[in-house]
Amino acid sequence: MTVTIVDAPKNNEQSMASGFFITGTGTEVGKTYIAARMAQDLTAAGKRVGVYKPVASGCQVGEGPHLVSDDAARLWEAAGRPLTQEQVCPQKFVAPVAPNVAARLEGRQVDAKLLRTGIEPWLDAFDVVLVEGAGGLMSPISEEDFNADLAADLGFPLVVVAANRLGVINDTLQTLITASVFGEGLEVAGVVLNQVTEADDDASLASNADQLREHLRVPLLGDLSWHGRFSEPVTRWFPSEEANQGG
């Protein structure tokens, strides 16, 4: 039986031109690598690119009392060091568990309002804002929010990063089904298939992209090899009128 996923409805006109919410089919799928590649490509195309990691766990203790998110630092570097790393990721926690649990271990709580308002400096000064979620759509990020809640409120279309390995078809379709039924439905720009290991004898790697193209009704935006690059400009992921502006 063939299962097809219909396009998720668009829930915010702002999302047509101003950014993407990068999520994954799970953990360790290469969201940060893909988001950084997007930032580099868009910057090279003349876009002013903002990057926002609303919350991060598994952070390192830096100088003084400050915590360092490796993911946030990588995004910041890829976008050309806009604003500050603190503005890239305003909420950071040490334990490598879900952010709400990591916060609880420190006697703290993820600020649900700041998850949403922390993006404001980026919206005011940049052409494109790339938001990287923490885990998959249904990963909890605060005591009251999943990533999907934040994605819905920010209104950006999703870029779903999927690891090219056995099981990716199921993982991707489940993520897209979740997007289509969450709230009023989350808009999906497309899927990026990403090879996450350098060498792999997984026979499915050769066929996963074709299988996804067969079953998806959203674009397969990229099929990246290990540390690969996009074969087409990221500017083409936007509506044509936006792609023709600012590079």
Foldseek 3Di string as FASTA:
>chain_A
DAAAFAFADADDPVQQWAEAEEAELWPLLCSLVVLLLQLLLCVVLQWQEAAAAAEEEQWDQDPDRDTDDPSLVSNCVSNPNPDHSCLRYVYYFRDHDAQQVRQVVVVHFRDPVSSQCSCVVVRVPTRYYYYYYDTHQQRDRGPPDGVVVNQSVVRHAYEYRFEQAPPRVVSVVVRSVCQRPPDSHGGHLAYEYEHSDQDDPGPSSVPPVVVCVVHYPHDHQYHAHHSGHRPDRPLVSHPPVNSPPSD
